[in-house]
Every structure is written in C-alpha cells, then in structure tokens.
PDB file of all heavy atoms in Angstrom:
ATOM      1  N   PRO A   1     166.188  59.226   1.343  1.00  0.00           N
ATOM      2  CA  PRO A   1     167.354  59.674   2.120  1.00  0.00           C
ATOM      3  C   PRO A   1     167.979  60.899   1.476  1.00  0.00           C
ATOM      4  O   PRO A   1     167.789  61.146   0.285  1.00  0.00           O
ATOM      5  CB  PRO A   1     168.297  58.465   2.063  1.00  0.00           C
ATOM      6  CG  PRO A   1     167.905  57.728   0.833  1.00  0.00           C
ATOM      7  CD  PRO A   1     166.433  57.964   0.649  1.00  0.00           C
ATOM      8  N   PRO A   2     168.714  61.676   2.257  1.00  0.00           N
ATOM      9  CA  PRO A   2     169.379  62.846   1.675  1.00  0.00           C
ATOM     10  C   PRO A   2     170.386  62.410   0.620  1.00  0.00           C
ATOM     11  O   PRO A   2     170.923  61.314   0.661  1.00  0.00           O
ATOM     12  CB  PRO A   2     170.071  63.505   2.870  1.00  0.00           C
ATOM     13  CG  PRO A   2     170.157  62.434   3.911  1.00  0.00           C
ATOM     14  CD  PRO A   2     168.989  61.534   3.682  1.00  0.00           C
ATOM     15  N   ALA A   3     170.595  63.282  -0.314  1.00  0.00           N
ATOM     16  CA  ALA A   3     171.504  62.968  -1.421  1.00  0.00           C
ATOM     17  C   ALA A   3     172.893  62.666  -0.888  1.00  0.00           C
ATOM     18  O   ALA A   3     173.419  63.379  -0.034  1.00  0.00           O
ATOM     19  CB  ALA A   3     171.554  64.138  -2.401  1.00  0.00           C
ATOM     20  N   GLN A   4     173.453  61.569  -1.363  1.00  0.00           N
ATOM     21  CA  GLN A   4     174.784  61.177  -0.931  1.00  0.00           C
ATOM     22  C   GLN A   4     175.725  61.216  -2.122  1.00  0.00           C
ATOM     23  O   GLN A   4     175.329  60.979  -3.256  1.00  0.00           O
ATOM     24  CB  GLN A   4     174.768  59.766  -0.337  1.00  0.00           C
ATOM     25  CG  GLN A   4     173.937  59.644   0.918  1.00  0.00           C
ATOM     26  CD  GLN A   4     173.930  58.215   1.446  1.00  0.00           C
ATOM     27  OE1 GLN A   4     174.340  57.295   0.775  1.00  0.00           O
ATOM     28  NE2 GLN A   4     173.447  58.062   2.670  1.00  0.00           N
ATOM     29  N   HIS A   5     176.963  61.503  -1.812  1.00  0.00           N
ATOM     30  CA  HIS A   5     177.959  61.494  -2.875  1.00  0.00           C
ATOM     31  C   HIS A   5     178.268  60.055  -3.228  1.00  0.00           C
ATOM     32  O   HIS A   5     178.387  59.216  -2.345  1.00  0.00           O
ATOM     33  CB  HIS A   5     179.227  62.220  -2.419  1.00  0.00           C
ATOM     34  CG  HIS A   5     178.988  63.663  -2.067  1.00  0.00           C
ATOM     35  ND1 HIS A   5     178.647  64.598  -3.003  1.00  0.00           N
ATOM     36  CD2 HIS A   5     179.024  64.319  -0.873  1.00  0.00           C
ATOM     37  CE1 HIS A   5     178.498  65.771  -2.415  1.00  0.00           C
ATOM     38  NE2 HIS A   5     178.711  65.623  -1.115  1.00  0.00           N
ATOM     39  N   PRO A   6     178.378  59.754  -4.512  1.00  0.00           N
ATOM     40  CA  PRO A   6     178.702  58.373  -4.873  1.00  0.00           C
ATOM     41  C   PRO A   6     180.080  58.002  -4.327  1.00  0.00           C
ATOM     42  O   PRO A   6     180.967  58.842  -4.203  1.00  0.00           O
ATOM     43  CB  PRO A   6     178.680  58.390  -6.401  1.00  0.00           C
ATOM     44  CG  PRO A   6     178.843  59.831  -6.788  1.00  0.00           C
ATOM     45  CD  PRO A   6     178.256  60.629  -5.667  1.00  0.00           C
ATOM     46  N   ASN A   7     180.223  56.728  -4.002  1.00  0.00           N
ATOM     47  CA  ASN A   7     181.487  56.241  -3.453  1.00  0.00           C
ATOM     48  C   ASN A   7     182.500  56.134  -4.588  1.00  0.00           C
ATOM     49  O   ASN A   7     182.338  55.333  -5.501  1.00  0.00           O
ATOM     50  CB  ASN A   7     181.267  54.878  -2.797  1.00  0.00           C
ATOM     51  CG  ASN A   7     182.507  54.356  -2.097  1.00  0.00           C
ATOM     52  OD1 ASN A   7     183.566  54.957  -2.153  1.00  0.00           O
ATOM     53  ND2 ASN A   7     182.369  53.226  -1.434  1.00  0.00           N
ATOM     54  N   PRO A   8     183.555  56.950  -4.544  1.00  0.00           N
ATOM     55  CA  PRO A   8     184.546  56.905  -5.628  1.00  0.00           C
ATOM     56  C   PRO A   8     185.509  55.731  -5.504  1.00  0.00           C
ATOM     57  O   PRO A   8     186.353  55.531  -6.370  1.00  0.00           O
ATOM     58  CB  PRO A   8     185.296  58.239  -5.467  1.00  0.00           C
ATOM     59  CG  PRO A   8     185.231  58.510  -4.001  1.00  0.00           C
ATOM     60  CD  PRO A   8     183.903  57.952  -3.540  1.00  0.00           C
ATOM     61  N   CYS A   9     185.385  54.958  -4.434  1.00  0.00           N
ATOM     62  CA  CYS A   9     186.340  53.872  -4.171  1.00  0.00           C
ATOM     63  C   CYS A   9     185.841  52.566  -4.776  1.00  0.00           C
ATOM     64  O   CYS A   9     184.646  52.374  -4.989  1.00  0.00           O
ATOM     65  CB  CYS A   9     186.525  53.705  -2.669  1.00  0.00           C
ATOM     66  SG  CYS A   9     187.185  55.177  -1.861  1.00  0.00           S
ATOM     67  N   PRO A  10     186.749  51.631  -5.012  1.00  0.00           N
ATOM     68  CA  PRO A  10     186.337  50.308  -5.508  1.00  0.00           C
ATOM     69  C   PRO A  10     185.556  49.556  -4.437  1.00  0.00           C
ATOM     70  O   PRO A  10     185.573  49.937  -3.263  1.00  0.00           O
ATOM     71  CB  PRO A  10     187.662  49.619  -5.843  1.00  0.00           C
ATOM     72  CG  PRO A  10     188.698  50.350  -5.070  1.00  0.00           C
ATOM     73  CD  PRO A  10     188.207  51.756  -4.897  1.00  0.00           C
ATOM     74  N   PRO A  11     184.859  48.479  -4.819  1.00  0.00           N
ATOM     75  CA  PRO A  11     184.098  47.702  -3.829  1.00  0.00           C
ATOM     76  C   PRO A  11     184.997  47.217  -2.702  1.00  0.00           C
ATOM     77  O   PRO A  11     186.134  46.790  -2.930  1.00  0.00           O
ATOM     78  CB  PRO A  11     183.548  46.526  -4.648  1.00  0.00           C
ATOM     79  CG  PRO A  11     183.534  47.006  -6.052  1.00  0.00           C
ATOM     80  CD  PRO A  11     184.682  47.962  -6.174  1.00  0.00           C
ATOM     81  N   GLY A  12     184.483  47.303  -1.473  1.00  0.00           N
ATOM     82  CA  GLY A  12     185.256  46.882  -0.310  1.00  0.00           C
ATOM     83  C   GLY A  12     186.081  48.003   0.294  1.00  0.00           C
ATOM     84  O   GLY A  12     186.779  47.785   1.284  1.00  0.00           O
ATOM     85  N   TYR A  13     186.014  49.185  -0.281  1.00  0.00           N
ATOM     86  CA  TYR A  13     186.739  50.344   0.233  1.00  0.00           C
ATOM     87  C   TYR A  13     185.774  51.510   0.381  1.00  0.00           C
ATOM     88  O   TYR A  13     184.723  51.556  -0.269  1.00  0.00           O
ATOM     89  CB  TYR A  13     187.878  50.749  -0.721  1.00  0.00           C
ATOM     90  CG  TYR A  13     188.987  49.735  -0.797  1.00  0.00           C
ATOM     91  CD1 TYR A  13     188.907  48.653  -1.671  1.00  0.00           C
ATOM     92  CD2 TYR A  13     190.113  49.851   0.008  1.00  0.00           C
ATOM     93  CE1 TYR A  13     189.924  47.715  -1.748  1.00  0.00           C
ATOM     94  CE2 TYR A  13     191.137  48.920  -0.062  1.00  0.00           C
ATOM     95  CZ  TYR A  13     191.042  47.858  -0.936  1.00  0.00           C
ATOM     96  OH  TYR A  13     192.047  46.931  -1.003  1.00  0.00           O
ATOM     97  N   GLU A  14     186.139  52.464   1.232  1.00  0.00           N
ATOM     98  CA  GLU A  14     185.338  53.663   1.414  1.00  0.00           C
ATOM     99  C   GLU A  14     186.268  54.844   1.634  1.00  0.00           C
ATOM    100  O   GLU A  14     187.395  54.677   2.127  1.00  0.00           O
ATOM    101  CB  GLU A  14     184.369  53.503   2.584  1.00  0.00           C
ATOM    102  CG  GLU A  14     185.042  53.289   3.923  1.00  0.00           C
ATOM    103  CD  GLU A  14     184.048  53.010   5.040  1.00  0.00           C
ATOM    104  OE1 GLU A  14     182.834  52.960   4.775  1.00  0.00           O
ATOM    105  OE2 GLU A  14     184.506  52.838   6.193  1.00  0.00           O
ATOM    106  N   PRO A  15     185.819  56.060   1.280  1.00  0.00           N
ATOM    107  CA  PRO A  15     186.695  57.220   1.471  1.00  0.00           C
ATOM    108  C   PRO A  15     186.777  57.620   2.946  1.00  0.00           C
ATOM    109  O   PRO A  15     185.810  57.495   3.684  1.00  0.00           O
ATOM    110  CB  PRO A  15     186.018  58.307   0.636  1.00  0.00           C
ATOM    111  CG  PRO A  15     184.597  57.890   0.540  1.00  0.00           C
ATOM    112  CD  PRO A  15     184.569  56.395   0.614  1.00  0.00           C
ATOM    113  N   ASP A  16     187.957  58.058   3.368  1.00  0.00           N
ATOM    114  CA  ASP A  16     188.102  58.565   4.731  1.00  0.00           C
ATOM    115  C   ASP A  16     188.019  60.087   4.715  1.00  0.00           C
ATOM    116  O   ASP A  16     187.590  60.683   3.714  1.00  0.00           O
ATOM    117  CB  ASP A  16     189.417  58.073   5.355  1.00  0.00           C
ATOM    118  CG  ASP A  16     190.653  58.555   4.597  1.00  0.00           C
ATOM    119  OD1 ASP A  16     190.503  59.363   3.647  1.00  0.00           O
ATOM    120  OD2 ASP A  16     191.763  58.133   4.943  1.00  0.00           O
ATOM    121  N   ASP A  17     188.405  60.740   5.807  1.00  0.00           N
ATOM    122  CA  ASP A  17     188.296  62.196   5.906  1.00  0.00           C
ATOM    123  C   ASP A  17     189.163  62.925   4.891  1.00  0.00           C
ATOM    124  O   ASP A  17     188.870  64.058   4.500  1.00  0.00           O
ATOM    125  CB  ASP A  17     188.683  62.655   7.319  1.00  0.00           C
ATOM    126  CG  ASP A  17     187.711  62.121   8.368  1.00  0.00           C
ATOM    127  OD1 ASP A  17     186.571  61.781   7.979  1.00  0.00           O
ATOM    128  OD2 ASP A  17     188.090  62.021   9.548  1.00  0.00           O
ATOM    129  N   GLN A  18     190.253  62.300   4.474  1.00  0.00           N
ATOM    130  CA  GLN A  18     191.143  62.925   3.485  1.00  0.00           C
ATOM    131  C   GLN A  18     190.831  62.467   2.064  1.00  0.00           C
ATOM    132  O   GLN A  18     191.641  62.641   1.160  1.00  0.00           O
ATOM    133  CB  GLN A  18     192.609  62.595   3.811  1.00  0.00           C
ATOM    134  CG  GLN A  18     193.166  63.292   5.040  1.00  0.00           C
ATOM    135  CD  GLN A  18     192.738  62.618   6.335  1.00  0.00           C
ATOM    136  OE1 GLN A  18     192.562  61.401   6.375  1.00  0.00           O
ATOM    137  NE2 GLN A  18     192.550  63.413   7.372  1.00  0.00           N
ATOM    138  N   ASP A  19     189.662  61.861   1.870  1.00  0.00           N
ATOM    139  CA  ASP A  19     189.232  61.344   0.570  1.00  0.00           C
ATOM    140  C   ASP A  19     190.179  60.288   0.007  1.00  0.00           C
ATOM    141  O   ASP A  19     190.291  60.116  -1.208  1.00  0.00           O
ATOM    142  CB  ASP A  19     189.055  62.484  -0.452  1.00  0.00           C
ATOM    143  CG  ASP A  19     187.810  63.295  -0.162  1.00  0.00           C
ATOM    144  OD1 ASP A  19     186.873  62.736   0.442  1.00  0.00           O
ATOM    145  OD2 ASP A  19     187.770  64.489  -0.519  1.00  0.00           O
ATOM    146  N   SER A  20     190.867  59.572   0.887  1.00  0.00           N
ATOM    147  CA  SER A  20     191.645  58.413   0.469  1.00  0.00           C
ATOM    148  C   SER A  20     190.789  57.172   0.658  1.00  0.00           C
ATOM    149  O   SER A  20     189.969  57.101   1.567  1.00  0.00           O
ATOM    150  CB  SER A  20     192.911  58.288   1.321  1.00  0.00           C
ATOM    151  OG  SER A  20     193.734  59.421   1.150  1.00  0.00           O
ATOM    152  N   CYS A  21     190.967  56.191  -0.188  1.00  0.00           N
ATOM    153  CA  CYS A  21     190.188  54.961  -0.094  1.00  0.00           C
ATOM    154  C   CYS A  21     190.822  54.039   0.938  1.00  0.00           C
ATOM    155  O   CYS A  21     192.009  53.697   0.828  1.00  0.00           O
ATOM    156  CB  CYS A  21     190.120  54.265  -1.455  1.00  0.00           C
ATOM    157  SG  CYS A  21     189.144  55.188  -2.663  1.00  0.00           S
ATOM    158  N   VAL A  22     190.047  53.662   1.941  1.00  0.00           N
ATOM    159  CA  VAL A  22     190.530  52.752   2.978  1.00  0.00           C
ATOM    160  C   VAL A  22     189.665  51.497   2.981  1.00  0.00           C
ATOM    161  O   VAL A  22     188.484  51.539   2.615  1.00  0.00           O
ATOM    162  CB  VAL A  22     190.517  53.428   4.374  1.00  0.00           C
ATOM    163  CG1 VAL A  22     191.513  54.568   4.429  1.00  0.00           C
ATOM    164  CG2 VAL A  22     189.128  53.910   4.732  1.00  0.00           C
ATOM    165  N   ASP A  23     190.265  50.413   3.398  1.00  0.00           N
ATOM    166  CA  ASP A  23     189.576  49.129   3.425  1.00  0.00           C
ATOM    167  C   ASP A  23     188.421  49.150   4.428  1.00  0.00           C
ATOM    168  O   ASP A  23     188.537  49.702   5.525  1.00  0.00           O
ATOM    169  CB  ASP A  23     190.564  48.022   3.803  1.00  0.00           C
ATOM    170  CG  ASP A  23     189.883  46.672   3.955  1.00  0.00           C
ATOM    171  OD1 ASP A  23     189.171  46.263   3.029  1.00  0.00           O
ATOM    172  OD2 ASP A  23     190.057  46.042   5.016  1.00  0.00           O
ATOM    173  N   VAL A  24     187.304  48.552   4.045  1.00  0.00           N
ATOM    174  CA  VAL A  24     186.167  48.365   4.955  1.00  0.00           C
ATOM    175  C   VAL A  24     186.356  47.033   5.668  1.00  0.00           C
ATOM    176  O   VAL A  24     186.540  46.000   5.015  1.00  0.00           O
ATOM    177  CB  VAL A  24     184.824  48.355   4.176  1.00  0.00           C
ATOM    178  CG1 VAL A  24     183.667  48.041   5.103  1.00  0.00           C
ATOM    179  CG2 VAL A  24     184.600  49.678   3.476  1.00  0.00           C
ATOM    180  N   ASP A  25     186.337  47.058   6.996  1.00  0.00           N
ATOM    181  CA  ASP A  25     186.465  45.819   7.763  1.00  0.00           C
ATOM    182  C   ASP A  25     185.074  45.202   7.906  1.00  0.00           C
ATOM    183  O   ASP A  25     184.333  45.500   8.839  1.00  0.00           O
ATOM    184  CB  ASP A  25     187.091  46.099   9.134  1.00  0.00           C
ATOM    185  CG  ASP A  25     187.441  44.818   9.878  1.00  0.00           C
ATOM    186  OD1 ASP A  25     186.922  43.749   9.494  1.00  0.00           O
ATOM    187  OD2 ASP A  25     188.225  44.888  10.832  1.00  0.00           O
ATOM    188  N   GLU A  26     184.709  44.341   6.950  1.00  0.00           N
ATOM    189  CA  GLU A  26     183.370  43.745   6.960  1.00  0.00           C
ATOM    190  C   GLU A  26     183.137  42.897   8.195  1.00  0.00           C
ATOM    191  O   GLU A  26     182.008  42.770   8.664  1.00  0.00           O
ATOM    192  CB  GLU A  26     183.163  42.882   5.699  1.00  0.00           C
ATOM    193  CG  GLU A  26     183.120  43.656   4.398  1.00  0.00           C
ATOM    194  CD  GLU A  26     184.498  43.865   3.786  1.00  0.00           C
ATOM    195  OE1 GLU A  26     185.506  43.477   4.422  1.00  0.00           O
ATOM    196  OE2 GLU A  26     184.562  44.405   2.676  1.00  0.00           O
ATOM    197  N   CYS A  27     184.192  42.306   8.732  1.00  0.00           N
ATOM    198  CA  CYS A  27     184.042  41.448   9.917  1.00  0.00           C
ATOM    199  C   CYS A  27     183.693  42.291  11.140  1.00  0.00           C
ATOM    200  O   CYS A  27     182.790  41.938  11.898  1.00  0.00           O
ATOM    201  CB  CYS A  27     185.326  40.667  10.158  1.00  0.00           C
ATOM    202  SG  CYS A  27     185.782  39.577   8.782  1.00  0.00           S
ATOM    203  N   ALA A  28     184.401  43.400  11.336  1.00  0.00           N
ATOM    204  CA  ALA A  28     184.155  44.244  12.513  1.00  0.00           C
ATOM    205  C   ALA A  28     182.818  44.954  12.414  1.00  0.00           C
ATOM    206  O   ALA A  28     182.155  45.202  13.426  1.00  0.00           O
ATOM    207  CB  ALA A  28     185.279  45.254  12.667  1.00  0.00           C
ATOM    208  N   GLN A  29     182.384  45.282  11.190  1.00  0.00           N
ATOM    209  CA  GLN A  29     181.126  46.013  11.001  1.00  0.00           C
ATOM    210  C   GLN A  29     179.948  45.084  10.734  1.00  0.00           C
ATOM    211  O   GLN A  29     178.857  45.559  10.406  1.00  0.00           O
ATOM    212  CB  GLN A  29     181.268  47.021   9.848  1.00  0.00           C
ATOM    213  CG  GLN A  29     182.321  48.073  10.093  1.00  0.00           C
ATOM    214  CD  GLN A  29     182.410  49.079   8.955  1.00  0.00           C
ATOM    215  OE1 GLN A  29     181.438  49.313   8.238  1.00  0.00           O
ATOM    216  NE2 GLN A  29     183.585  49.668   8.774  1.00  0.00           N
ATOM    217  N   ALA A  30     180.143  43.782  10.870  1.00  0.00           N
ATOM    218  CA  ALA A  30     179.081  42.781  10.656  1.00  0.00           C
ATOM    219  C   ALA A  30     178.443  42.935   9.279  1.00  0.00           C
ATOM    220  O   ALA A  30     177.224  42.854   9.127  1.00  0.00           O
ATOM    221  CB  ALA A  30     178.021  42.867  11.756  1.00  0.00           C
ATOM    222  N   LEU A  31     179.265  43.149   8.265  1.00  0.00           N
ATOM    223  CA  LEU A  31     178.787  43.264   6.887  1.00  0.00           C
ATOM    224  C   LEU A  31     179.081  41.995   6.091  1.00  0.00           C
ATOM    225  O   LEU A  31     179.100  42.017   4.875  1.00  0.00           O
ATOM    226  CB  LEU A  31     179.455  44.467   6.197  1.00  0.00           C
ATOM    227  CG  LEU A  31     179.250  45.817   6.862  1.00  0.00           C
ATOM    228  CD1 LEU A  31     180.036  46.902   6.135  1.00  0.00           C
ATOM    229  CD2 LEU A  31     177.773  46.166   6.891  1.00  0.00           C
ATOM    230  N   HIS A  32     179.320  40.901   6.806  1.00  0.00           N
ATOM    231  CA  HIS A  32     179.667  39.628   6.159  1.00  0.00           C
ATOM    232  C   HIS A  32     178.481  38.669   6.240  1.00  0.00           C
ATOM    233  O   HIS A  32     177.495  38.924   6.920  1.00  0.00           O
ATOM    234  CB  HIS A  32     180.890  39.006   6.849  1.00  0.00           C
ATOM    235  CG  HIS A  32     180.640  38.719   8.299  1.00  0.00           C
ATOM    236  ND1 HIS A  32     180.044  37.564   8.748  1.00  0.00           N
ATOM    237  CD2 HIS A  32     180.895  39.459   9.413  1.00  0.00           C
ATOM    238  CE1 HIS A  32     179.939  37.597  10.061  1.00  0.00           C
ATOM    239  NE2 HIS A  32     180.448  38.734  10.497  1.00  0.00           N
ATOM    240  N   ASP A  33     178.595  37.559   5.520  1.00  0.00           N
ATOM    241  CA  ASP A  33     177.547  36.533   5.562  1.00  0.00           C
ATOM    242  C   ASP A  33     178.103  35.201   6.058  1.00  0.00           C
ATOM    243  O   ASP A  33     177.610  34.140   5.696  1.00  0.00           O
ATOM    244  CB  ASP A  33     176.883  36.363   4.189  1.00  0.00           C
ATOM    245  CG  ASP A  33     177.866  35.958   3.100  1.00  0.00           C
ATOM    246  OD1 ASP A  33     179.084  35.877   3.391  1.00  0.00           O
ATOM    247  OD2 ASP A  33     177.425  35.713   1.967  1.00  0.00           O
ATOM    248  N   CYS A  34     179.131  35.272   6.910  1.00  0.00           N
ATOM    249  CA  CYS A  34     179.687  34.036   7.468  1.00  0.00           C
ATOM    250  C   CYS A  34     178.675  33.404   8.418  1.00  0.00           C
ATOM    251  O   CYS A  34     177.946  34.104   9.126  1.00  0.00           O
ATOM    252  CB  CYS A  34     180.985  34.323   8.226  1.00  0.00           C
ATOM    253  SG  CYS A  34     182.325  34.959   7.188  1.00  0.00           S
ATOM    254  N   ARG A  35     178.651  32.083   8.446  1.00  0.00           N
ATOM    255  CA  ARG A  35     177.783  31.353   9.356  1.00  0.00           C
ATOM    256  C   ARG A  35     178.280  31.512  10.788  1.00  0.00           C
ATOM    257  O   ARG A  35     179.458  31.781  11.012  1.00  0.00           O
ATOM    258  CB  ARG A  35     177.755  29.867   8.988  1.00  0.00           C
ATOM    259  CG  ARG A  35     177.223  29.574   7.595  1.00  0.00           C
ATOM    260  CD  ARG A  35     175.730  29.755   7.573  1.00  0.00           C
ATOM    261  NE  ARG A  35     175.180  29.489   6.255  1.00  0.00           N
ATOM    262  CZ  ARG A  35     174.270  28.565   6.018  1.00  0.00           C
ATOM    263  NH1 ARG A  35     173.808  27.820   6.987  1.00  0.00           N
ATOM    264  NH2 ARG A  35     173.797  28.397   4.804  1.00  0.00           N
ATOM    265  N   PRO A  36     177.384  31.294  11.788  1.00  0.00           N
ATOM    266  CA  PRO A  36     177.833  31.389  13.179  1.00  0.00           C
ATOM    267  C   PRO A  36     178.965  30.416  13.520  1.00  0.00           C
ATOM    268  O   PRO A  36     179.775  30.693  14.398  1.00  0.00           O
ATOM    269  CB  PRO A  36     176.569  31.057  13.982  1.00  0.00           C
ATOM    270  CG  PRO A  36     175.445  31.398  13.071  1.00  0.00           C
ATOM    271  CD  PRO A  36     175.937  31.121  11.686  1.00  0.00           C
ATOM    272  N   SER A  37     179.029  29.298  12.808  1.00  0.00           N
ATOM    273  CA  SER A  37     180.093  28.326  13.091  1.00  0.00           C
ATOM    274  C   SER A  37     181.406  28.686  12.410  1.00  0.00           C
ATOM    275  O   SER A  37     182.399  27.984  12.585  1.00  0.00           O
ATOM    276  CB  SER A  37     179.644  26.929  12.640  1.00  0.00           C
ATOM    277  OG  SER A  37     179.430  26.918  11.230  1.00  0.00           O
ATOM    278  N   GLN A  38     181.435  29.771  11.621  1.00  0.00           N
ATOM    279  CA  GLN A  38     182.631  30.139  10.877  1.00  0.00           C
ATOM    280  C   GLN A  38     183.280  31.387  11.474  1.00  0.00           C
ATOM    281  O   GLN A  38     182.628  32.181  12.157  1.00  0.00           O
ATOM    282  CB  GLN A  38     182.276  30.411   9.410  1.00  0.00           C
ATOM    283  CG  GLN A  38     181.727  29.193   8.682  1.00  0.00           C
ATOM    284  CD  GLN A  38     181.249  29.525   7.281  1.00  0.00           C
ATOM    285  OE1 GLN A  38     180.857  30.648   7.004  1.00  0.00           O
ATOM    286  NE2 GLN A  38     181.267  28.538   6.405  1.00  0.00           N
ATOM    287  N   ASP A  39     184.575  31.549  11.192  1.00  0.00           N
ATOM    288  CA  ASP A  39     185.313  32.748  11.575  1.00  0.00           C
ATOM    289  C   ASP A  39     185.415  33.662  10.366  1.00  0.00           C
ATOM    290  O   ASP A  39     185.661  33.203   9.240  1.00  0.00           O
ATOM    291  CB  ASP A  39     186.722  32.387  12.061  1.00  0.00           C
ATOM    292  CG  ASP A  39     186.699  31.625  13.379  1.00  0.00           C
ATOM    293  OD1 ASP A  39     185.739  31.809  14.152  1.00  0.00           O
ATOM    294  OD2 ASP A  39     187.644  30.851  13.631  1.00  0.00           O
ATOM    295  N   CYS A  40     185.250  34.964  10.603  1.00  0.00           N
ATOM    296  CA  CYS A  40     185.380  35.962   9.532  1.00  0.00           C
ATOM    297  C   CYS A  40     186.772  36.566   9.600  1.00  0.00           C
ATOM    298  O   CYS A  40     187.229  36.981  10.669  1.00  0.00           O
ATOM    299  CB  CYS A  40     184.312  37.037   9.698  1.00  0.00           C
ATOM    300  SG  CYS A  40     184.380  38.332   8.437  1.00  0.00           S
ATOM    301  N   HIS A  41     187.465  36.603   8.457  1.00  0.00           N
ATOM    302  CA  HIS A  41     188.801  37.195   8.364  1.00  0.00           C
ATOM    303  C   HIS A  41     188.755  38.310   7.325  1.00  0.00           C
ATOM    304  O   HIS A  41     188.390  38.079   6.167  1.00  0.00           O
ATOM    305  CB  HIS A  41     189.847  36.147   7.958  1.00  0.00           C
ATOM    306  CG  HIS A  41     189.967  35.023   8.936  1.00  0.00           C
ATOM    307  ND1 HIS A  41     190.659  35.146  10.122  1.00  0.00           N
ATOM    308  CD2 HIS A  41     189.465  33.767   8.918  1.00  0.00           C
ATOM    309  CE1 HIS A  41     190.584  34.005  10.789  1.00  0.00           C
ATOM    310  NE2 HIS A  41     189.863  33.153  10.086  1.00  0.00           N
TER     311      HIS A  41
END
C-alpha cells in the first residue's frame, strides 16, 4: 500500500481534517467484535 502517515492519536482515536484526535465509532464502522445477540455501545 502507499506510504501512510502513522496515526499520532491514541488507540480508539483518529486524526480529523484539522489534525485533532477524534473518537472512532467502532459500532457505526463495524470495527467491533460484539456477537449478533449483543448491542454495541
């Protein structure tokens, strides 16, 4: 893959357009491992 800049944010956050760290919504982006019978918060 093309060279990417390392993520300067702590785990669970990502930089936005202004290089501020914003929370990653793992539930909305399906980045969670919750079972189908469980709710993701």
